[in-house]
Structure formats: structure tokens, C-alpha cells
PDB file of all heavy atoms in Angstrom:
ATOM      1  N   GLU A   1       0.852  -1.192   0.000  1.00  0.00           N
ATOM      2  CA  GLU A   1       0.000   0.000   0.000  1.00  0.00           C
ATOM      3  C   GLU A   1       0.886   1.239   0.000  1.00  0.00           C
ATOM      4  O   GLU A   1       1.987   1.230   0.546  1.00  0.00           O
ATOM      5  CB  GLU A   1      -0.909   0.012   1.239  1.00  0.00           C
ATOM      6  CG  GLU A   1      -1.863   1.182   1.307  1.00  0.00           C
ATOM      7  CD  GLU A   1      -2.748   1.198   2.556  1.00  0.00           C
ATOM      8  OE1 GLU A   1      -2.744   0.212   3.330  1.00  0.00           O
ATOM      9  OE2 GLU A   1      -3.444   2.202   2.751  1.00  0.00           O
ATOM     10  N   THR A   2       0.371   2.295  -0.597  1.00  0.00           N
ATOM     11  CA  THR A   2       1.017   3.603  -0.529  1.00  0.00           C
ATOM     12  C   THR A   2       0.041   4.551   0.152  1.00  0.00           C
ATOM     13  O   THR A   2      -1.151   4.555  -0.171  1.00  0.00           O
ATOM     14  CB  THR A   2       1.375   4.122  -1.938  1.00  0.00           C
ATOM     15  OG1 THR A   2       2.277   3.194  -2.550  1.00  0.00           O
ATOM     16  CG2 THR A   2       2.047   5.481  -1.860  1.00  0.00           C
ATOM     17  N   VAL A   3       0.558   5.337   1.106  1.00  0.00           N
ATOM     18  CA  VAL A   3      -0.275   6.292   1.835  1.00  0.00           C
ATOM     19  C   VAL A   3       0.246   7.699   1.578  1.00  0.00           C
ATOM     20  O   VAL A   3       1.422   7.892   1.263  1.00  0.00           O
ATOM     21  CB  VAL A   3      -0.290   5.998   3.351  1.00  0.00           C
ATOM     22  CG1 VAL A   3      -0.927   4.649   3.638  1.00  0.00           C
ATOM     23  CG2 VAL A   3       1.100   6.073   3.954  1.00  0.00           C
ATOM     24  N   LEU A   4      -0.627   8.668   1.719  1.00  0.00           N
ATOM     25  CA  LEU A   4      -0.272  10.073   1.595  1.00  0.00           C
ATOM     26  C   LEU A   4      -0.289  10.659   2.996  1.00  0.00           C
ATOM     27  O   LEU A   4      -1.296  10.551   3.704  1.00  0.00           O
ATOM     28  CB  LEU A   4      -1.266  10.791   0.687  1.00  0.00           C
ATOM     29  CG  LEU A   4      -0.939  12.219   0.313  1.00  0.00           C
ATOM     30  CD1 LEU A   4       0.351  12.267  -0.506  1.00  0.00           C
ATOM     31  CD2 LEU A   4      -2.085  12.826  -0.485  1.00  0.00           C
ATOM     32  N   VAL A   5       0.835  11.244   3.413  1.00  0.00           N
ATOM     33  CA  VAL A   5       0.977  11.776   4.770  1.00  0.00           C
ATOM     34  C   VAL A   5       1.234  13.277   4.679  1.00  0.00           C
ATOM     35  O   VAL A   5       2.189  13.708   4.030  1.00  0.00           O
ATOM     36  CB  VAL A   5       2.139  11.083   5.514  1.00  0.00           C
ATOM     37  CG1 VAL A   5       2.298  11.651   6.917  1.00  0.00           C
ATOM     38  CG2 VAL A   5       1.919   9.578   5.562  1.00  0.00           C
ATOM     39  N   ALA A   6       0.372  14.061   5.339  1.00  0.00           N
ATOM     40  CA  ALA A   6       0.517  15.515   5.359  1.00  0.00           C
ATOM     41  C   ALA A   6       0.805  15.967   6.787  1.00  0.00           C
ATOM     42  O   ALA A   6      -0.064  15.870   7.654  1.00  0.00           O
ATOM     43  CB  ALA A   6      -0.754  16.177   4.841  1.00  0.00           C
ATOM     44  N   PRO A   7       2.040  16.440   7.060  1.00  0.00           N
ATOM     45  CA  PRO A   7       2.369  16.888   8.409  1.00  0.00           C
ATOM     46  C   PRO A   7       1.950  18.333   8.650  1.00  0.00           C
ATOM     47  O   PRO A   7       1.980  19.150   7.738  1.00  0.00           O
ATOM     48  CB  PRO A   7       3.898  16.767   8.436  1.00  0.00           C
ATOM     49  CG  PRO A   7       4.300  17.026   7.021  1.00  0.00           C
ATOM     50  CD  PRO A   7       3.186  16.458   6.171  1.00  0.00           C
ATOM     51  N   ASP A   8       1.541  18.621   9.860  1.00  0.00           N
ATOM     52  CA  ASP A   8       1.326  20.001  10.302  1.00  0.00           C
ATOM     53  C   ASP A   8       2.357  20.235  11.396  1.00  0.00           C
ATOM     54  O   ASP A   8       2.266  19.655  12.478  1.00  0.00           O
ATOM     55  CB  ASP A   8      -0.086  20.193  10.836  1.00  0.00           C
ATOM     56  CG  ASP A   8      -0.377  21.656  11.185  1.00  0.00           C
ATOM     57  OD1 ASP A   8       0.588  22.447  11.326  1.00  0.00           O
ATOM     58  OD2 ASP A   8      -1.553  22.006  11.328  1.00  0.00           O
ATOM     59  N   ASP A   9       3.358  21.066  11.090  1.00  0.00           N
ATOM     60  CA  ASP A   9       4.475  21.228  12.010  1.00  0.00           C
ATOM     61  C   ASP A   9       4.307  22.397  12.973  1.00  0.00           C
ATOM     62  O   ASP A   9       5.271  22.918  13.511  1.00  0.00           O
ATOM     63  CB  ASP A   9       5.796  21.337  11.253  1.00  0.00           C
ATOM     64  CG  ASP A   9       5.845  22.512  10.298  1.00  0.00           C
ATOM     65  OD1 ASP A   9       4.865  23.270  10.239  1.00  0.00           O
ATOM     66  OD2 ASP A   9       6.860  22.669   9.610  1.00  0.00           O
ATOM     67  N   SER A  10       3.064  22.789  13.221  1.00  0.00           N
ATOM     68  CA  SER A  10       2.812  23.782  14.261  1.00  0.00           C
ATOM     69  C   SER A  10       2.095  23.088  15.412  1.00  0.00           C
ATOM     70  O   SER A  10       1.381  22.115  15.202  1.00  0.00           O
ATOM     71  CB  SER A  10       1.986  24.945  13.705  1.00  0.00           C
ATOM     72  OG  SER A  10       0.760  24.482  13.193  1.00  0.00           O
ATOM     73  N   TYR A  11       2.318  23.582  16.621  1.00  0.00           N
ATOM     74  CA  TYR A  11       1.754  22.945  17.802  1.00  0.00           C
ATOM     75  C   TYR A  11       0.266  23.231  17.899  1.00  0.00           C
ATOM     76  O   TYR A  11      -0.128  24.371  17.693  1.00  0.00           O
ATOM     77  CB  TYR A  11       2.480  23.438  19.060  1.00  0.00           C
ATOM     78  CG  TYR A  11       2.092  22.658  20.281  1.00  0.00           C
ATOM     79  CD1 TYR A  11       2.691  21.454  20.563  1.00  0.00           C
ATOM     80  CD2 TYR A  11       1.096  23.110  21.117  1.00  0.00           C
ATOM     81  CE1 TYR A  11       2.316  20.705  21.664  1.00  0.00           C
ATOM     82  CE2 TYR A  11       0.714  22.377  22.219  1.00  0.00           C
ATOM     83  CZ  TYR A  11       1.336  21.182  22.488  1.00  0.00           C
ATOM     84  OH  TYR A  11       0.952  20.451  23.576  1.00  0.00           O
ATOM     85  N   PRO A  12      -0.601  22.288  18.215  1.00  0.00           N
ATOM     86  CA  PRO A  12      -0.296  20.878  18.417  1.00  0.00           C
ATOM     87  C   PRO A  12      -0.029  20.189  17.079  1.00  0.00           C
ATOM     88  O   PRO A  12      -0.706  20.442  16.094  1.00  0.00           O
ATOM     89  CB  PRO A  12      -1.548  20.319  19.090  1.00  0.00           C
ATOM     90  CG  PRO A  12      -2.643  21.219  18.623  1.00  0.00           C
ATOM     91  CD  PRO A  12      -2.021  22.572  18.406  1.00  0.00           C
ATOM     92  N   TYR A  13       0.950  19.314  17.068  1.00  0.00           N
ATOM     93  CA  TYR A  13       1.397  18.660  15.852  1.00  0.00           C
ATOM     94  C   TYR A  13       0.380  17.626  15.393  1.00  0.00           C
ATOM     95  O   TYR A  13      -0.348  17.052  16.201  1.00  0.00           O
ATOM     96  CB  TYR A  13       2.750  17.977  16.085  1.00  0.00           C
ATOM     97  CG  TYR A  13       3.802  18.957  16.508  1.00  0.00           C
ATOM     98  CD1 TYR A  13       4.138  19.113  17.847  1.00  0.00           C
ATOM     99  CD2 TYR A  13       4.440  19.747  15.568  1.00  0.00           C
ATOM    100  CE1 TYR A  13       5.093  20.037  18.233  1.00  0.00           C
ATOM    101  CE2 TYR A  13       5.401  20.673  15.953  1.00  0.00           C
ATOM    102  CZ  TYR A  13       5.723  20.815  17.289  1.00  0.00           C
ATOM    103  OH  TYR A  13       6.661  21.730  17.671  1.00  0.00           O
ATOM    104  N   SER A  14       0.362  17.404  14.071  1.00  0.00           N
ATOM    105  CA  SER A  14      -0.525  16.364  13.550  1.00  0.00           C
ATOM    106  C   SER A  14      -0.012  15.845  12.219  1.00  0.00           C
ATOM    107  O   SER A  14       0.753  16.522  11.516  1.00  0.00           O
ATOM    108  CB  SER A  14      -1.958  16.893  13.385  1.00  0.00           C
ATOM    109  OG  SER A  14      -2.004  17.885  12.380  1.00  0.00           O
ATOM    110  N   LEU A  15      -0.440  14.623  11.916  1.00  0.00           N
ATOM    111  CA  LEU A  15      -0.219  14.017  10.607  1.00  0.00           C
ATOM    112  C   LEU A  15      -1.597  13.639  10.081  1.00  0.00           C
ATOM    113  O   LEU A  15      -2.349  12.941  10.766  1.00  0.00           O
ATOM    114  CB  LEU A  15       0.624  12.741  10.708  1.00  0.00           C
ATOM    115  CG  LEU A  15       2.078  12.853  11.105  1.00  0.00           C
ATOM    116  CD1 LEU A  15       2.703  11.453  11.175  1.00  0.00           C
ATOM    117  CD2 LEU A  15       2.843  13.716  10.126  1.00  0.00           C
ATOM    118  N   THR A  16      -1.912  14.106   8.890  1.00  0.00           N
ATOM    119  CA  THR A  16      -3.148  13.690   8.238  1.00  0.00           C
ATOM    120  C   THR A  16      -2.755  12.610   7.244  1.00  0.00           C
ATOM    121  O   THR A  16      -1.922  12.834   6.370  1.00  0.00           O
ATOM    122  CB  THR A  16      -3.822  14.866   7.524  1.00  0.00           C
ATOM    123  OG1 THR A  16      -4.102  15.890   8.499  1.00  0.00           O
ATOM    124  CG2 THR A  16      -5.118  14.433   6.857  1.00  0.00           C
ATOM    125  N   VAL A  17      -3.330  11.436   7.423  1.00  0.00           N
ATOM    126  CA  VAL A  17      -2.969  10.276   6.610  1.00  0.00           C
ATOM    127  C   VAL A  17      -4.151   9.878   5.743  1.00  0.00           C
ATOM    128  O   VAL A  17      -5.261   9.684   6.256  1.00  0.00           O
ATOM    129  CB  VAL A  17      -2.553   9.090   7.502  1.00  0.00           C
ATOM    130  CG1 VAL A  17      -2.249   7.869   6.659  1.00  0.00           C
ATOM    131  CG2 VAL A  17      -1.358   9.474   8.368  1.00  0.00           C
ATOM    132  N   CYS A  18      -3.898   9.766   4.450  1.00  0.00           N
ATOM    133  CA  CYS A  18      -4.917   9.279   3.520  1.00  0.00           C
ATOM    134  C   CYS A  18      -4.478   7.903   3.041  1.00  0.00           C
ATOM    135  O   CYS A  18      -3.418   7.748   2.429  1.00  0.00           O
ATOM    136  CB  CYS A  18      -5.076  10.241   2.353  1.00  0.00           C
ATOM    137  SG  CYS A  18      -6.415   9.774   1.242  1.00  0.00           S
ATOM    138  N   ARG A  19      -5.291   6.895   3.365  1.00  0.00           N
ATOM    139  CA  ARG A  19      -5.003   5.514   2.997  1.00  0.00           C
ATOM    140  C   ARG A  19      -5.450   5.246   1.568  1.00  0.00           C
ATOM    141  O   ARG A  19      -6.217   6.010   0.984  1.00  0.00           O
ATOM    142  CB  ARG A  19      -5.714   4.543   3.948  1.00  0.00           C
ATOM    143  CG  ARG A  19      -5.393   4.680   5.429  1.00  0.00           C
ATOM    144  CD  ARG A  19      -4.058   4.089   5.826  1.00  0.00           C
ATOM    145  NE  ARG A  19      -3.861   2.710   5.490  1.00  0.00           N
ATOM    146  CZ  ARG A  19      -4.058   1.671   6.300  1.00  0.00           C
ATOM    147  NH1 ARG A  19      -4.499   1.863   7.523  1.00  0.00           N
ATOM    148  NH2 ARG A  19      -3.806   0.436   5.889  1.00  0.00           N
ATOM    149  N   ALA A  20      -4.993   4.147   1.013  1.00  0.00           N
ATOM    150  CA  ALA A  20      -5.352   3.755  -0.353  1.00  0.00           C
ATOM    151  C   ALA A  20      -6.867   3.597  -0.509  1.00  0.00           C
ATOM    152  O   ALA A  20      -7.410   3.838  -1.585  1.00  0.00           O
ATOM    153  CB  ALA A  20      -4.644   2.464  -0.729  1.00  0.00           C
ATOM    154  N   SER A  21      -7.546   3.248   0.566  1.00  0.00           N
ATOM    155  CA  SER A  21      -9.002   3.074   0.543  1.00  0.00           C
ATOM    156  C   SER A  21      -9.738   4.406   0.442  1.00  0.00           C
ATOM    157  O   SER A  21     -10.947   4.437   0.218  1.00  0.00           O
ATOM    158  CB  SER A  21      -9.456   2.371   1.824  1.00  0.00           C
ATOM    159  OG  SER A  21      -9.199   3.204   2.946  1.00  0.00           O
ATOM    160  N   GLY A  22      -9.017   5.514   0.638  1.00  0.00           N
ATOM    161  CA  GLY A  22      -9.636   6.836   0.652  1.00  0.00           C
ATOM    162  C   GLY A  22      -9.912   7.337   2.056  1.00  0.00           C
ATOM    163  O   GLY A  22     -10.232   8.503   2.260  1.00  0.00           O
ATOM    164  N   GLU A  23      -9.784   6.433   3.044  1.00  0.00           N
ATOM    165  CA  GLU A  23      -9.987   6.824   4.437  1.00  0.00           C
ATOM    166  C   GLU A  23      -8.918   7.839   4.841  1.00  0.00           C
ATOM    167  O   GLU A  23      -7.737   7.675   4.545  1.00  0.00           O
ATOM    168  CB  GLU A  23      -9.881   5.592   5.343  1.00  0.00           C
ATOM    169  CG  GLU A  23      -9.937   5.921   6.813  1.00  0.00           C
ATOM    170  CD  GLU A  23      -9.617   4.725   7.700  1.00  0.00           C
ATOM    171  OE1 GLU A  23      -9.001   3.755   7.222  1.00  0.00           O
ATOM    172  OE2 GLU A  23      -9.973   4.796   8.875  1.00  0.00           O
ATOM    173  N   GLU A  24      -9.348   8.904   5.522  1.00  0.00           N
ATOM    174  CA  GLU A  24      -8.416   9.931   5.988  1.00  0.00           C
ATOM    175  C   GLU A  24      -8.524  10.033   7.508  1.00  0.00           C
ATOM    176  O   GLU A  24      -9.625  10.138   8.044  1.00  0.00           O
ATOM    177  CB  GLU A  24      -8.746  11.276   5.332  1.00  0.00           C
ATOM    178  CG  GLU A  24      -7.706  12.338   5.577  1.00  0.00           C
ATOM    179  CD  GLU A  24      -7.976  13.590   4.762  1.00  0.00           C
ATOM    180  OE1 GLU A  24      -7.667  13.601   3.555  1.00  0.00           O
ATOM    181  OE2 GLU A  24      -8.496  14.557   5.350  1.00  0.00           O
ATOM    182  N   VAL A  25      -7.364   9.968   8.179  1.00  0.00           N
ATOM    183  CA  VAL A  25      -7.329  10.021   9.639  1.00  0.00           C
ATOM    184  C   VAL A  25      -6.264  11.021  10.059  1.00  0.00           C
ATOM    185  O   VAL A  25      -5.190  11.089   9.445  1.00  0.00           O
ATOM    186  CB  VAL A  25      -7.013   8.631  10.250  1.00  0.00           C
ATOM    187  CG1 VAL A  25      -6.929   8.704  11.763  1.00  0.00           C
ATOM    188  CG2 VAL A  25      -8.055   7.605   9.824  1.00  0.00           C
ATOM    189  N   VAL A  26      -6.558  11.776  11.115  1.00  0.00           N
ATOM    190  CA  VAL A  26      -5.598  12.733  11.665  1.00  0.00           C
ATOM    191  C   VAL A  26      -5.055  12.174  12.969  1.00  0.00           C
ATOM    192  O   VAL A  26      -5.817  11.779  13.855  1.00  0.00           O
ATOM    193  CB  VAL A  26      -6.253  14.111  11.904  1.00  0.00           C
ATOM    194  CG1 VAL A  26      -5.252  15.068  12.546  1.00  0.00           C
ATOM    195  CG2 VAL A  26      -6.803  14.683  10.608  1.00  0.00           C
ATOM    196  N   TYR A  27      -3.730  12.120  13.072  1.00  0.00           N
ATOM    197  CA  TYR A  27      -3.047  11.675  14.284  1.00  0.00           C
ATOM    198  C   TYR A  27      -2.400  12.903  14.905  1.00  0.00           C
ATOM    199  O   TYR A  27      -1.588  13.571  14.261  1.00  0.00           O
ATOM    200  CB  TYR A  27      -1.990  10.622  13.958  1.00  0.00           C
ATOM    201  CG  TYR A  27      -2.585   9.373  13.361  1.00  0.00           C
ATOM    202  CD1 TYR A  27      -2.765   9.257  11.990  1.00  0.00           C
ATOM    203  CD2 TYR A  27      -3.017   8.334  14.177  1.00  0.00           C
ATOM    204  CE1 TYR A  27      -3.342   8.120  11.443  1.00  0.00           C
ATOM    205  CE2 TYR A  27      -3.600   7.200  13.632  1.00  0.00           C
ATOM    206  CZ  TYR A  27      -3.758   7.099  12.268  1.00  0.00           C
ATOM    207  OH  TYR A  27      -4.347   5.982  11.732  1.00  0.00           O
ATOM    208  N   SER A  28      -2.751  13.213  16.148  1.00  0.00           N
ATOM    209  CA  SER A  28      -2.219  14.385  16.844  1.00  0.00           C
ATOM    210  C   SER A  28      -1.309  13.950  17.972  1.00  0.00           C
ATOM    211  O   SER A  28      -1.453  12.848  18.509  1.00  0.00           O
ATOM    212  CB  SER A  28      -3.364  15.231  17.419  1.00  0.00           C
ATOM    213  OG  SER A  28      -4.201  15.670  16.377  1.00  0.00           O
ATOM    214  N   GLY A  29      -0.371  14.845  18.357  1.00  0.00           N
ATOM    215  CA  GLY A  29       0.520  14.504  19.448  1.00  0.00           C
ATOM    216  C   GLY A  29       1.439  15.647  19.830  1.00  0.00           C
ATOM    217  O   GLY A  29       1.387  16.733  19.249  1.00  0.00           O
ATOM    218  N   GLU A  30       2.287  15.373  20.803  1.00  0.00           N
ATOM    219  CA  GLU A  30       3.230  16.363  21.322  1.00  0.00           C
ATOM    220  C   GLU A  30       4.382  16.647  20.364  1.00  0.00           C
ATOM    221  O   GLU A  30       5.095  17.616  20.536  1.00  0.00           O
ATOM    222  CB  GLU A  30       3.786  15.902  22.672  1.00  0.00           C
ATOM    223  CG  GLU A  30       2.755  15.898  23.779  1.00  0.00           C
ATOM    224  CD  GLU A  30       2.236  17.294  24.096  1.00  0.00           C
ATOM    225  OE1 GLU A  30       3.051  18.227  24.233  1.00  0.00           O
ATOM    226  OE2 GLU A  30       1.008  17.451  24.185  1.00  0.00           O
TER     227      GLU A  30
END
């Protein structure tokens, strides 16, 4: 699988991940 990852490098940090299925999830953290 290939995923598309979009980082947000401002606090609070996050990665928006788009999976091959089209599902998009945001992962947040310190």
C-alpha cells in the first residue's frame, strides 16, 4: 500500500494520513 501523509508542524502537531481506501485520519501529538 502507498499512503499520503501531510504533516502540520505547528503545535499541536498532527499528521493527516490518507489511505489507499480513501480513508483519511488525523493523528495528533506532542
